[in-house]
Structures are given as structure tokens and as C-alpha cells.
Amino acid sequence: MDHPTDDAADFTPEEVAVLEAAAAEAETGYSAAELAARPRRGRARSVGTEAAVVVPVRLDPERLRALDALAARDHRTRSQVIRDAIDHELASA
């Protein structure tokens, strides 16, 4: 594989081999069935019946530490903890 720049020097030979193998696989293309069968990674784009909306929230450092501690303890993300707290509050309203 030709490299337009000498950026490959920043990678180990093993890393270059992995990148080149991934590029070769991608160049052959993927079927829709192959893509659908792959596990989804990253943040949830939908958390209900529709696409999720990002809502920025400002927290003081103490609340943020408490949120992170709760999320870590329960093996949840910050967003999951916040959504659960909102659902709990709305259910009791």
C-alpha cells in the first residue's frame, strides 16, 4: 500500500498491518446483512421511540462527582442516571 505521506512511520509495523487489513476489508465492501449483524458501539442515538435530543446541563463539581460515583457504582452512564432520575421525578409528579 502506498502512503502519500510518511505518516506510517508514526505506527509500529503491527499497527500498520492492522490498518492495512481494515482498509482492504473496507474496500471490498460490506453487505447490509453484515452491517446489521455487527454490534452497535458508541452512544445510544435513540433511547425511546424516536431519536434522542441532546440537552446540555450545567452541574457544579460536587454534583458531578456524586453523579459519576453513582454511575460507576451502578455500572451506568451519566446519561442513564440522569434519564432514570427524570423518569422517577416525572412518575411522581
Foldseek 3Di string as FASTA:
>chain_A
DDDPDPCCVVDDPVVVVVVVVVVVVPVVPDDPVRVVPDDDDDDDQDDDPDGDDDDDDDDDPVVVVVLVVVCVVVVHDSVVVVVVVVVVVVVVD
